[in-house]
Each structure stands twice: as structure tokens, then as C-alpha cells.
């Protein structure tokens, strides 16, 4: 069992559809998942979803209060489905979270401890949301971190660039999916 896990975060229909202009994103992400599987690296999917009635959402939470009451992103809503192009393989974990970070309101930490993971490879939507929040929390939890730059998307290209070029390198290796996959084949 490897000590590394690839986290594919918030790559779900209701979020992916906002980034339809990047038609190659899911193909790139599928390449990363396939490379991880071939190298024996765990692939863990993280999605955001709420219970009916949104009992987890405080009206003080600016991000999620706007969703509450819309019926969107509740468990079972099509917006929470992982697109078929990057669907989990049999036996791969899908973690449901209730906040921005993949750790908050989920059992991700339990899964990672049980598998002995000490290194995380991060990809997802959005760079300034789940990727940033998860990276910061994972760094505080002493994980060794890699961010797949082209495995991340953000609505704001400048914020995306600054995070990948200036902020993330302080706590993680930032690389491309192709370079990461190549490094897996060389080990």
C-alpha cells in the first residue's frame, strides 16, 4: 500500500458545468487518475453535498447561505454527481464534505490515517476554494503536498495564477499532470 493519495476534489456536475470552456479538463484529470491507479496510489474523490433542508449551513456562512433553500447540492442532486469521464473505479472512496476544505465536515482524515497516507496530491475546482483550503489544512496536518496545476481550475485566472505560482509553492510542489505521471513511471 502506498503512502500517497490523489484527491480529486469538487469535480462534480454542478461545479464542472461552470467551467465548460475548458473542454480538456476532464481528460487531463482522467490521465492523472489512471496514472495514480497504475502506480498503486489511492484515488479519493471529494464532493460537497448537504442534507435536505441544509441543516449544516449557517446563515452566517456567506458562501453556502446563498445555496441553502435552492435544492442544489443536496445529497442525490445531479449537481453532486461525479462526471463519467472521471468516475471512481470500483472500490475507490467518495468522501462527502460539508464545507470548503476536503477535511472539514468529512471523514477524509479517518481514511487517510487508516491507509497510512503521508503525501497528498491535490486537484480540483476551484483553485481558490477547495484546493487552497485543503492545501492549507493538510500542510498544518504535516502532509507532504503536490498540486497538479493543470488539474485545478478557477473562475478568476489571475487568482489561479497567483496561487499556483506564488502561494502554493511555499507549502507544496506544483507540477503538471504530465510531469507527475512521468515521475510515477520512473519510480
N, C-alpha and C. Protein backbone atom coordinates (compact mmCIF):
# COMPACT_ATOMS: atom_id res chain seq x y z
N UNK A 1 0.85 -1.18 0.00
CA UNK A 1 0.00 0.00 0.00
C UNK A 1 0.89 1.25 0.00
N UNK A 2 0.58 2.18 -0.83
CA UNK A 2 1.38 3.39 -0.95
C UNK A 2 1.01 4.39 0.14
N UNK A 3 1.92 5.29 0.41
CA UNK A 3 1.65 6.32 1.42
C UNK A 3 1.16 7.61 0.77
N UNK A 4 0.79 7.54 -0.50
CA UNK A 4 0.32 8.71 -1.24
C UNK A 4 -1.12 8.51 -1.66
N UNK A 5 -1.88 9.61 -1.66
CA UNK A 5 -3.25 9.58 -2.16
C UNK A 5 -3.47 10.77 -3.08
N UNK A 6 -4.14 10.53 -4.19
CA UNK A 6 -4.57 11.59 -5.10
C UNK A 6 -5.98 11.99 -4.69
N UNK A 7 -6.18 13.27 -4.38
CA UNK A 7 -7.51 13.78 -4.05
C UNK A 7 -8.06 14.55 -5.24
N UNK A 8 -9.18 14.09 -5.75
CA UNK A 8 -9.90 14.78 -6.83
C UNK A 8 -11.10 15.43 -6.16
N UNK A 9 -11.06 16.76 -6.07
CA UNK A 9 -11.98 17.48 -5.20
C UNK A 9 -12.95 18.40 -5.94
N UNK A 10 -14.21 18.28 -5.57
CA UNK A 10 -15.29 19.11 -6.10
C UNK A 10 -15.43 19.02 -7.61
N UNK A 11 -14.98 17.93 -8.18
CA UNK A 11 -15.18 17.68 -9.61
C UNK A 11 -16.50 16.94 -9.71
N UNK A 12 -17.55 17.74 -9.70
CA UNK A 12 -18.92 17.22 -9.71
C UNK A 12 -19.73 18.07 -10.67
N UNK A 13 -20.80 17.51 -11.17
CA UNK A 13 -21.54 18.10 -12.28
C UNK A 13 -21.89 19.57 -12.09
N UNK A 14 -22.40 19.94 -10.93
CA UNK A 14 -22.83 21.32 -10.70
C UNK A 14 -21.69 22.32 -10.67
N UNK A 15 -20.48 21.84 -10.47
CA UNK A 15 -19.31 22.72 -10.47
C UNK A 15 -18.61 22.67 -11.82
N UNK A 16 -18.44 21.47 -12.36
CA UNK A 16 -17.78 21.30 -13.67
C UNK A 16 -18.50 22.09 -14.75
N UNK A 17 -19.83 22.12 -14.71
CA UNK A 17 -20.58 22.81 -15.78
C UNK A 17 -20.27 24.30 -15.84
N UNK A 18 -19.78 24.87 -14.76
CA UNK A 18 -19.40 26.29 -14.76
C UNK A 18 -18.11 26.52 -15.54
N UNK A 19 -17.37 25.44 -15.83
CA UNK A 19 -16.08 25.56 -16.50
C UNK A 19 -16.08 24.83 -17.83
N UNK A 20 -17.20 24.82 -18.51
CA UNK A 20 -17.37 24.09 -19.77
C UNK A 20 -16.41 24.59 -20.85
N UNK A 21 -15.87 25.79 -20.70
CA UNK A 21 -14.98 26.32 -21.73
C UNK A 21 -13.64 25.58 -21.78
N UNK A 22 -13.27 24.87 -20.68
CA UNK A 22 -12.04 24.07 -20.69
C UNK A 22 -12.42 22.63 -20.99
N UNK A 23 -12.60 22.34 -22.26
CA UNK A 23 -13.07 21.03 -22.70
C UNK A 23 -12.11 19.89 -22.46
N UNK A 24 -10.84 20.19 -22.20
CA UNK A 24 -9.87 19.12 -21.99
C UNK A 24 -9.62 18.83 -20.51
N UNK A 25 -10.27 19.56 -19.62
CA UNK A 25 -10.02 19.39 -18.18
C UNK A 25 -10.28 17.97 -17.69
N UNK A 26 -11.44 17.43 -18.00
CA UNK A 26 -11.77 16.08 -17.51
C UNK A 26 -10.84 15.03 -18.10
N UNK A 27 -10.41 15.22 -19.34
CA UNK A 27 -9.46 14.29 -19.95
C UNK A 27 -8.13 14.32 -19.21
N UNK A 28 -7.65 15.53 -18.90
CA UNK A 28 -6.40 15.66 -18.13
C UNK A 28 -6.53 14.98 -16.77
N UNK A 29 -7.64 15.23 -16.11
CA UNK A 29 -7.86 14.67 -14.78
C UNK A 29 -7.96 13.15 -14.84
N UNK A 30 -8.59 12.61 -15.87
CA UNK A 30 -8.66 11.15 -16.05
C UNK A 30 -7.26 10.57 -16.23
N UNK A 31 -6.39 11.30 -16.91
CA UNK A 31 -5.00 10.88 -17.08
C UNK A 31 -4.31 10.78 -15.72
N UNK A 32 -4.53 11.76 -14.86
CA UNK A 32 -3.94 11.74 -13.51
C UNK A 32 -4.46 10.56 -12.71
N UNK A 33 -5.76 10.32 -12.76
CA UNK A 33 -6.34 9.20 -12.01
C UNK A 33 -5.80 7.87 -12.52
N UNK A 34 -5.71 7.72 -13.83
CA UNK A 34 -5.17 6.48 -14.41
C UNK A 34 -3.71 6.27 -14.01
N UNK A 35 -2.91 7.34 -14.03
CA UNK A 35 -1.50 7.24 -13.64
C UNK A 35 -1.38 6.82 -12.17
N UNK A 36 -2.22 7.40 -11.33
CA UNK A 36 -2.21 7.04 -9.90
C UNK A 36 -2.56 5.57 -9.71
N UNK A 37 -3.62 5.15 -10.37
CA UNK A 37 -4.04 3.74 -10.23
C UNK A 37 -2.94 2.80 -10.69
N UNK A 38 -2.32 3.11 -11.81
CA UNK A 38 -1.26 2.26 -12.35
C UNK A 38 -0.07 2.17 -11.40
N UNK A 39 0.17 3.26 -10.65
CA UNK A 39 1.29 3.31 -9.70
C UNK A 39 0.91 2.78 -8.32
N UNK A 40 -0.35 2.35 -8.16
CA UNK A 40 -0.79 1.84 -6.86
C UNK A 40 -1.11 2.93 -5.85
N UNK A 41 -1.35 4.14 -6.35
CA UNK A 41 -1.70 5.28 -5.48
C UNK A 41 -3.21 5.34 -5.33
N UNK A 42 -3.67 5.50 -4.10
CA UNK A 42 -5.11 5.60 -3.84
C UNK A 42 -5.67 6.86 -4.49
N UNK A 43 -6.83 6.72 -5.11
CA UNK A 43 -7.55 7.85 -5.67
C UNK A 43 -8.79 8.04 -4.81
N UNK A 44 -8.92 9.22 -4.23
CA UNK A 44 -10.05 9.53 -3.36
C UNK A 44 -10.77 10.74 -3.95
N UNK A 45 -12.07 10.61 -4.11
CA UNK A 45 -12.91 11.69 -4.62
C UNK A 45 -13.57 12.40 -3.45
N UNK A 46 -13.63 13.72 -3.55
CA UNK A 46 -14.27 14.53 -2.51
C UNK A 46 -15.32 15.39 -3.19
N UNK A 47 -16.55 15.32 -2.69
CA UNK A 47 -17.62 16.15 -3.23
C UNK A 47 -18.26 16.94 -2.09
N UNK A 48 -18.91 18.02 -2.45
CA UNK A 48 -19.64 18.81 -1.47
C UNK A 48 -21.13 18.52 -1.65
N UNK A 49 -21.79 18.24 -0.53
CA UNK A 49 -23.23 17.98 -0.56
C UNK A 49 -23.80 18.24 0.83
N UNK A 50 -25.07 18.56 0.85
CA UNK A 50 -25.75 18.88 2.10
C UNK A 50 -26.98 18.00 2.27
N UNK A 51 -27.40 17.83 3.49
CA UNK A 51 -28.63 17.10 3.78
C UNK A 51 -29.82 17.95 3.33
N UNK A 52 -30.95 17.32 3.03
CA UNK A 52 -32.15 18.10 2.70
C UNK A 52 -32.46 19.09 3.83
N UNK A 53 -32.79 20.29 3.47
CA UNK A 53 -33.07 21.33 4.45
C UNK A 53 -31.83 22.10 4.88
N UNK A 54 -30.65 21.66 4.46
CA UNK A 54 -29.38 22.34 4.72
C UNK A 54 -29.13 22.60 6.21
N UNK A 55 -29.28 21.59 7.07
CA UNK A 55 -29.04 21.84 8.49
C UNK A 55 -27.59 22.18 8.82
N UNK A 56 -26.66 21.88 7.92
CA UNK A 56 -25.24 22.18 8.15
C UNK A 56 -24.88 23.63 7.83
N UNK A 57 -25.78 24.35 7.18
CA UNK A 57 -25.46 25.68 6.68
C UNK A 57 -25.98 26.76 7.62
N UNK A 58 -25.03 27.52 8.15
CA UNK A 58 -25.37 28.68 8.96
C UNK A 58 -25.63 29.86 8.02
N UNK A 59 -26.55 30.69 8.36
CA UNK A 59 -26.81 31.89 7.55
C UNK A 59 -25.64 32.87 7.65
N UNK A 60 -24.72 32.64 8.60
CA UNK A 60 -23.52 33.47 8.72
C UNK A 60 -22.44 33.04 7.71
N UNK A 61 -22.64 31.88 7.09
CA UNK A 61 -21.67 31.36 6.11
C UNK A 61 -22.03 31.94 4.75
N UNK A 62 -21.29 32.96 4.35
CA UNK A 62 -21.60 33.69 3.12
C UNK A 62 -21.61 32.79 1.89
N UNK A 63 -20.65 31.88 1.81
CA UNK A 63 -20.55 31.01 0.63
C UNK A 63 -21.75 30.08 0.50
N UNK A 64 -22.07 29.39 1.58
CA UNK A 64 -23.09 28.35 1.49
C UNK A 64 -24.51 28.85 1.76
N UNK A 65 -24.66 29.98 2.43
CA UNK A 65 -26.00 30.51 2.70
C UNK A 65 -26.74 30.82 1.39
N UNK A 66 -25.99 31.20 0.36
CA UNK A 66 -26.61 31.50 -0.94
C UNK A 66 -27.19 30.25 -1.59
N UNK A 67 -26.66 29.08 -1.25
CA UNK A 67 -27.15 27.82 -1.82
C UNK A 67 -28.35 27.29 -1.03
N UNK A 68 -28.35 27.52 0.27
CA UNK A 68 -29.40 26.97 1.14
C UNK A 68 -30.79 27.34 0.62
N UNK A 69 -31.64 26.36 0.58
CA UNK A 69 -33.01 26.59 0.15
C UNK A 69 -33.23 26.47 -1.35
N UNK A 70 -32.15 26.33 -2.13
CA UNK A 70 -32.30 26.25 -3.58
C UNK A 70 -32.58 24.82 -4.04
N UNK A 71 -32.28 23.85 -3.17
CA UNK A 71 -32.41 22.45 -3.57
C UNK A 71 -31.15 21.93 -4.25
N UNK A 72 -30.23 22.82 -4.58
CA UNK A 72 -28.98 22.44 -5.23
C UNK A 72 -28.00 21.89 -4.21
N UNK A 73 -27.18 20.97 -4.68
CA UNK A 73 -26.10 20.39 -3.89
C UNK A 73 -26.58 19.66 -2.64
N UNK A 74 -27.80 19.17 -2.69
CA UNK A 74 -28.23 18.27 -1.62
C UNK A 74 -27.87 16.85 -2.04
N UNK A 75 -27.71 15.97 -1.07
CA UNK A 75 -27.36 14.59 -1.39
C UNK A 75 -28.38 14.03 -2.38
N UNK A 76 -27.90 13.47 -3.46
CA UNK A 76 -28.77 12.92 -4.50
C UNK A 76 -29.06 13.89 -5.64
N UNK A 77 -28.78 15.17 -5.46
CA UNK A 77 -28.98 16.15 -6.52
C UNK A 77 -27.99 15.86 -7.65
N UNK A 78 -28.42 15.92 -8.92
CA UNK A 78 -27.49 15.68 -10.02
C UNK A 78 -26.23 16.56 -9.97
N UNK A 79 -26.31 17.72 -9.34
CA UNK A 79 -25.15 18.61 -9.23
C UNK A 79 -24.01 17.98 -8.41
N UNK A 80 -24.31 16.96 -7.63
CA UNK A 80 -23.28 16.33 -6.80
C UNK A 80 -22.64 15.12 -7.48
N UNK A 81 -23.13 14.75 -8.65
CA UNK A 81 -22.59 13.56 -9.35
C UNK A 81 -21.23 13.83 -9.96
N UNK A 82 -20.37 12.85 -9.88
CA UNK A 82 -19.05 12.92 -10.50
C UNK A 82 -19.21 12.57 -11.98
N UNK A 83 -18.70 13.40 -12.88
CA UNK A 83 -18.85 13.11 -14.31
C UNK A 83 -18.26 11.75 -14.68
N UNK A 84 -18.90 11.08 -15.62
CA UNK A 84 -18.48 9.74 -16.04
C UNK A 84 -17.04 9.70 -16.52
N UNK A 85 -16.56 10.78 -17.13
CA UNK A 85 -15.20 10.81 -17.67
C UNK A 85 -14.13 10.64 -16.60
N UNK A 86 -14.47 10.93 -15.36
CA UNK A 86 -13.51 10.79 -14.25
C UNK A 86 -14.10 9.98 -13.10
N UNK A 87 -15.09 9.17 -13.40
CA UNK A 87 -15.79 8.42 -12.35
C UNK A 87 -14.85 7.52 -11.56
N UNK A 88 -15.15 7.35 -10.28
CA UNK A 88 -14.35 6.46 -9.45
C UNK A 88 -14.38 5.02 -9.97
N UNK A 89 -13.25 4.36 -9.85
CA UNK A 89 -13.18 2.93 -10.15
C UNK A 89 -13.80 2.17 -8.99
N UNK A 90 -14.22 0.93 -9.20
CA UNK A 90 -14.79 0.15 -8.10
C UNK A 90 -13.83 0.13 -6.91
N UNK A 91 -14.39 0.38 -5.74
CA UNK A 91 -13.62 0.34 -4.51
C UNK A 91 -12.97 1.66 -4.12
N UNK A 92 -12.99 2.66 -5.01
CA UNK A 92 -12.41 3.95 -4.65
C UNK A 92 -13.39 4.76 -3.80
N UNK A 93 -12.84 5.42 -2.80
CA UNK A 93 -13.67 6.16 -1.84
C UNK A 93 -14.18 7.46 -2.43
N UNK A 94 -15.43 7.77 -2.09
CA UNK A 94 -16.01 9.08 -2.37
C UNK A 94 -16.38 9.67 -1.02
N UNK A 95 -15.77 10.79 -0.71
CA UNK A 95 -15.96 11.48 0.57
C UNK A 95 -16.90 12.64 0.34
N UNK A 96 -17.89 12.78 1.20
CA UNK A 96 -18.80 13.93 1.14
C UNK A 96 -18.37 14.90 2.23
N UNK A 97 -18.18 16.15 1.83
CA UNK A 97 -17.80 17.18 2.79
C UNK A 97 -18.92 18.20 2.89
N UNK A 98 -18.87 18.99 3.96
CA UNK A 98 -19.93 19.98 4.21
C UNK A 98 -19.41 21.42 4.19
N UNK A 99 -18.13 21.57 3.92
CA UNK A 99 -17.50 22.89 3.90
C UNK A 99 -16.54 22.97 2.72
N UNK A 100 -15.72 24.01 2.66
CA UNK A 100 -14.82 24.21 1.53
C UNK A 100 -13.66 23.22 1.57
N UNK A 101 -12.98 23.10 2.70
CA UNK A 101 -11.85 22.18 2.82
C UNK A 101 -12.33 20.74 2.72
N UNK A 102 -11.52 19.89 2.10
CA UNK A 102 -11.87 18.47 1.99
C UNK A 102 -11.89 17.78 3.35
N UNK A 103 -11.23 18.37 4.34
CA UNK A 103 -11.18 17.77 5.67
C UNK A 103 -12.37 18.13 6.54
N UNK A 104 -12.90 19.33 6.37
CA UNK A 104 -13.92 19.84 7.29
C UNK A 104 -15.29 19.25 6.98
N UNK A 105 -15.86 18.61 7.98
CA UNK A 105 -17.18 18.02 7.82
C UNK A 105 -17.16 16.74 7.02
N UNK A 106 -16.01 16.04 6.99
CA UNK A 106 -15.92 14.78 6.25
C UNK A 106 -15.12 13.77 7.06
N UNK A 107 -15.05 12.55 6.53
CA UNK A 107 -14.24 11.52 7.17
C UNK A 107 -12.93 11.29 6.42
N UNK A 108 -12.48 12.29 5.66
CA UNK A 108 -11.24 12.16 4.90
C UNK A 108 -10.05 11.84 5.80
N UNK A 109 -9.94 12.52 6.91
CA UNK A 109 -8.83 12.28 7.82
C UNK A 109 -8.78 10.84 8.30
N UNK A 110 -9.94 10.26 8.57
CA UNK A 110 -10.01 8.87 9.01
C UNK A 110 -9.49 7.94 7.91
N UNK A 111 -9.93 8.16 6.67
CA UNK A 111 -9.48 7.34 5.54
C UNK A 111 -7.97 7.45 5.34
N UNK A 112 -7.44 8.66 5.43
CA UNK A 112 -6.01 8.85 5.21
C UNK A 112 -5.19 8.21 6.31
N UNK A 113 -5.61 8.34 7.56
CA UNK A 113 -4.89 7.70 8.67
C UNK A 113 -4.94 6.19 8.54
N UNK A 114 -6.09 5.65 8.19
CA UNK A 114 -6.24 4.20 8.07
C UNK A 114 -5.35 3.63 6.97
N UNK A 115 -5.14 4.39 5.91
CA UNK A 115 -4.31 3.92 4.80
C UNK A 115 -2.83 4.22 5.01
N UNK A 116 -2.51 5.01 6.01
CA UNK A 116 -1.12 5.37 6.26
C UNK A 116 -0.60 6.44 5.34
N UNK A 117 -1.48 7.18 4.69
CA UNK A 117 -1.06 8.21 3.74
C UNK A 117 -0.32 9.34 4.46
N UNK A 118 0.81 9.72 3.89
CA UNK A 118 1.58 10.85 4.42
C UNK A 118 1.80 11.92 3.34
N UNK A 119 1.47 11.59 2.10
CA UNK A 119 1.62 12.51 0.97
C UNK A 119 0.29 12.62 0.24
N UNK A 120 -0.07 13.84 -0.11
CA UNK A 120 -1.31 14.08 -0.85
C UNK A 120 -1.00 14.81 -2.15
N UNK A 121 -1.69 14.41 -3.20
CA UNK A 121 -1.62 15.07 -4.49
C UNK A 121 -3.01 15.68 -4.70
N UNK A 122 -3.04 16.99 -4.93
CA UNK A 122 -4.32 17.71 -4.96
C UNK A 122 -4.68 18.18 -6.37
N UNK A 123 -5.95 18.00 -6.71
CA UNK A 123 -6.52 18.51 -7.95
C UNK A 123 -7.98 18.83 -7.68
N UNK A 124 -8.51 19.84 -8.36
CA UNK A 124 -9.93 20.13 -8.16
C UNK A 124 -10.35 21.51 -8.59
N UNK A 125 -11.61 21.78 -8.31
CA UNK A 125 -12.26 23.03 -8.67
C UNK A 125 -12.91 23.60 -7.40
N UNK A 126 -12.54 24.69 -6.97
CA UNK A 126 -11.75 25.73 -7.58
C UNK A 126 -10.41 25.86 -6.85
N UNK A 127 -9.45 26.39 -7.59
CA UNK A 127 -8.12 26.61 -7.04
C UNK A 127 -8.20 27.47 -5.79
N UNK A 128 -9.02 28.52 -5.82
CA UNK A 128 -9.15 29.45 -4.69
C UNK A 128 -10.13 28.96 -3.63
N UNK A 129 -10.75 27.82 -3.86
CA UNK A 129 -11.70 27.26 -2.90
C UNK A 129 -11.16 26.00 -2.27
N UNK A 130 -11.62 24.86 -2.75
CA UNK A 130 -11.27 23.57 -2.14
C UNK A 130 -9.77 23.31 -2.18
N UNK A 131 -9.08 23.67 -3.25
CA UNK A 131 -7.65 23.37 -3.34
C UNK A 131 -6.88 24.19 -2.31
N UNK A 132 -7.13 25.48 -2.25
CA UNK A 132 -6.47 26.35 -1.28
C UNK A 132 -6.78 25.92 0.15
N UNK A 133 -8.04 25.73 0.46
CA UNK A 133 -8.43 25.38 1.84
C UNK A 133 -7.87 24.03 2.26
N UNK A 134 -7.90 23.07 1.36
CA UNK A 134 -7.38 21.74 1.67
C UNK A 134 -5.87 21.76 1.81
N UNK A 135 -5.20 22.48 0.91
CA UNK A 135 -3.74 22.59 0.98
C UNK A 135 -3.31 23.18 2.32
N UNK A 136 -3.92 24.25 2.73
CA UNK A 136 -3.56 24.90 3.99
C UNK A 136 -3.79 23.98 5.18
N UNK A 137 -4.93 23.31 5.21
CA UNK A 137 -5.22 22.42 6.32
C UNK A 137 -4.29 21.20 6.30
N UNK A 138 -4.05 20.65 5.13
CA UNK A 138 -3.16 19.48 5.01
C UNK A 138 -1.73 19.84 5.41
N UNK A 139 -1.28 21.03 5.06
CA UNK A 139 0.06 21.47 5.47
C UNK A 139 0.14 21.56 6.99
N UNK A 140 -0.89 22.09 7.62
CA UNK A 140 -0.92 22.16 9.08
C UNK A 140 -0.97 20.78 9.72
N UNK A 141 -1.46 19.78 8.97
CA UNK A 141 -1.52 18.40 9.46
C UNK A 141 -0.26 17.62 9.08
N UNK A 142 0.73 18.31 8.52
CA UNK A 142 2.05 17.74 8.18
C UNK A 142 2.06 16.75 7.04
N UNK A 143 1.14 16.88 6.10
CA UNK A 143 1.20 16.06 4.89
C UNK A 143 2.23 16.65 3.94
N UNK A 144 2.90 15.80 3.19
CA UNK A 144 3.75 16.24 2.09
C UNK A 144 2.79 16.48 0.92
N UNK A 145 2.92 17.62 0.24
CA UNK A 145 1.90 18.02 -0.72
C UNK A 145 2.44 18.27 -2.12
N UNK A 146 1.62 17.87 -3.10
CA UNK A 146 1.85 18.16 -4.50
C UNK A 146 0.53 18.71 -5.05
N UNK A 147 0.60 19.73 -5.86
CA UNK A 147 -0.58 20.28 -6.53
C UNK A 147 -0.39 20.09 -8.02
N UNK A 148 -1.38 19.51 -8.66
CA UNK A 148 -1.38 19.34 -10.12
C UNK A 148 -1.96 20.60 -10.73
N UNK A 149 -1.10 21.48 -11.21
CA UNK A 149 -1.51 22.80 -11.67
C UNK A 149 -2.62 22.74 -12.72
N UNK A 150 -2.46 21.87 -13.72
CA UNK A 150 -3.47 21.78 -14.77
C UNK A 150 -4.62 20.84 -14.38
N UNK A 151 -4.59 20.37 -13.15
CA UNK A 151 -5.70 19.61 -12.59
C UNK A 151 -6.59 20.49 -11.72
N UNK A 152 -6.28 21.79 -11.73
CA UNK A 152 -7.05 22.78 -10.97
C UNK A 152 -7.65 23.81 -11.92
N UNK A 153 -8.81 24.30 -11.58
CA UNK A 153 -9.48 25.36 -12.34
C UNK A 153 -10.01 26.40 -11.38
N UNK A 154 -10.09 27.64 -11.85
CA UNK A 154 -10.68 28.71 -11.05
C UNK A 154 -11.38 29.69 -11.99
N UNK A 155 -12.41 30.33 -11.49
CA UNK A 155 -13.15 31.30 -12.30
C UNK A 155 -12.33 32.55 -12.57
N UNK A 156 -11.35 32.82 -11.71
CA UNK A 156 -10.52 34.02 -11.85
C UNK A 156 -9.11 33.59 -12.26
N UNK A 157 -8.73 33.79 -13.52
CA UNK A 157 -7.41 33.36 -14.00
C UNK A 157 -6.25 33.98 -13.22
N UNK A 158 -6.37 35.22 -12.80
CA UNK A 158 -5.28 35.87 -12.07
C UNK A 158 -5.11 35.27 -10.68
N UNK A 159 -6.20 35.02 -10.00
CA UNK A 159 -6.13 34.37 -8.69
C UNK A 159 -5.52 32.98 -8.84
N UNK A 160 -5.95 32.25 -9.84
CA UNK A 160 -5.41 30.91 -10.14
C UNK A 160 -3.89 30.99 -10.33
N UNK A 161 -3.44 31.92 -11.13
CA UNK A 161 -2.01 32.08 -11.41
C UNK A 161 -1.23 32.42 -10.14
N UNK A 162 -1.71 33.37 -9.37
CA UNK A 162 -1.01 33.79 -8.15
C UNK A 162 -0.91 32.64 -7.16
N UNK A 163 -1.99 31.91 -7.00
CA UNK A 163 -1.96 30.77 -6.07
C UNK A 163 -0.94 29.73 -6.53
N UNK A 164 -0.98 29.37 -7.80
CA UNK A 164 -0.08 28.32 -8.31
C UNK A 164 1.38 28.76 -8.36
N UNK A 165 1.62 30.02 -8.67
CA UNK A 165 3.00 30.49 -8.84
C UNK A 165 3.62 31.07 -7.59
N UNK A 166 2.81 31.64 -6.68
CA UNK A 166 3.38 32.35 -5.54
C UNK A 166 2.98 31.79 -4.18
N UNK A 167 1.76 31.31 -4.04
CA UNK A 167 1.29 30.88 -2.72
C UNK A 167 1.53 29.39 -2.49
N UNK A 168 1.07 28.55 -3.38
CA UNK A 168 1.18 27.10 -3.18
C UNK A 168 2.62 26.60 -3.07
N UNK A 169 3.58 27.15 -3.85
CA UNK A 169 4.95 26.62 -3.75
C UNK A 169 5.58 26.76 -2.36
N UNK A 170 5.01 27.58 -1.51
CA UNK A 170 5.51 27.70 -0.14
C UNK A 170 5.24 26.44 0.67
N UNK A 171 4.22 25.69 0.27
CA UNK A 171 3.83 24.51 1.05
C UNK A 171 3.72 23.23 0.23
N UNK A 172 3.89 23.33 -1.07
CA UNK A 172 3.69 22.16 -1.93
C UNK A 172 4.57 22.24 -3.17
N UNK A 173 4.81 21.08 -3.73
CA UNK A 173 5.41 21.03 -5.06
C UNK A 173 4.26 21.28 -6.03
N UNK A 174 4.47 22.15 -7.00
CA UNK A 174 3.46 22.43 -8.02
C UNK A 174 4.01 21.90 -9.34
N UNK A 175 3.25 21.04 -9.98
CA UNK A 175 3.70 20.40 -11.21
C UNK A 175 2.51 20.19 -12.14
N UNK A 176 2.79 19.72 -13.34
CA UNK A 176 1.72 19.40 -14.29
C UNK A 176 1.34 17.93 -14.15
N UNK A 177 0.18 17.59 -14.67
CA UNK A 177 -0.25 16.19 -14.66
C UNK A 177 0.73 15.34 -15.46
N UNK A 178 1.15 15.81 -16.62
CA UNK A 178 2.08 15.04 -17.46
C UNK A 178 3.40 14.78 -16.74
N UNK A 179 3.94 15.80 -16.09
CA UNK A 179 5.22 15.63 -15.38
C UNK A 179 5.07 14.71 -14.18
N UNK A 180 3.95 14.83 -13.47
CA UNK A 180 3.71 13.96 -12.31
C UNK A 180 3.57 12.52 -12.77
N UNK A 181 2.78 12.29 -13.82
CA UNK A 181 2.59 10.92 -14.33
C UNK A 181 3.92 10.35 -14.79
N UNK A 182 4.75 11.16 -15.45
CA UNK A 182 6.06 10.70 -15.90
C UNK A 182 6.93 10.32 -14.70
N UNK A 183 6.88 11.10 -13.64
CA UNK A 183 7.68 10.78 -12.44
C UNK A 183 7.24 9.47 -11.82
N UNK A 184 5.97 9.14 -11.92
CA UNK A 184 5.47 7.86 -11.38
C UNK A 184 6.00 6.69 -12.17
N UNK A 185 6.12 6.85 -13.49
CA UNK A 185 6.64 5.79 -14.34
C UNK A 185 8.14 5.54 -14.12
N UNK A 186 8.84 6.56 -13.62
CA UNK A 186 10.29 6.45 -13.42
C UNK A 186 10.65 5.83 -12.08
N UNK A 187 9.66 5.66 -11.20
CA UNK A 187 9.99 5.10 -9.88
C UNK A 187 9.76 3.61 -9.81
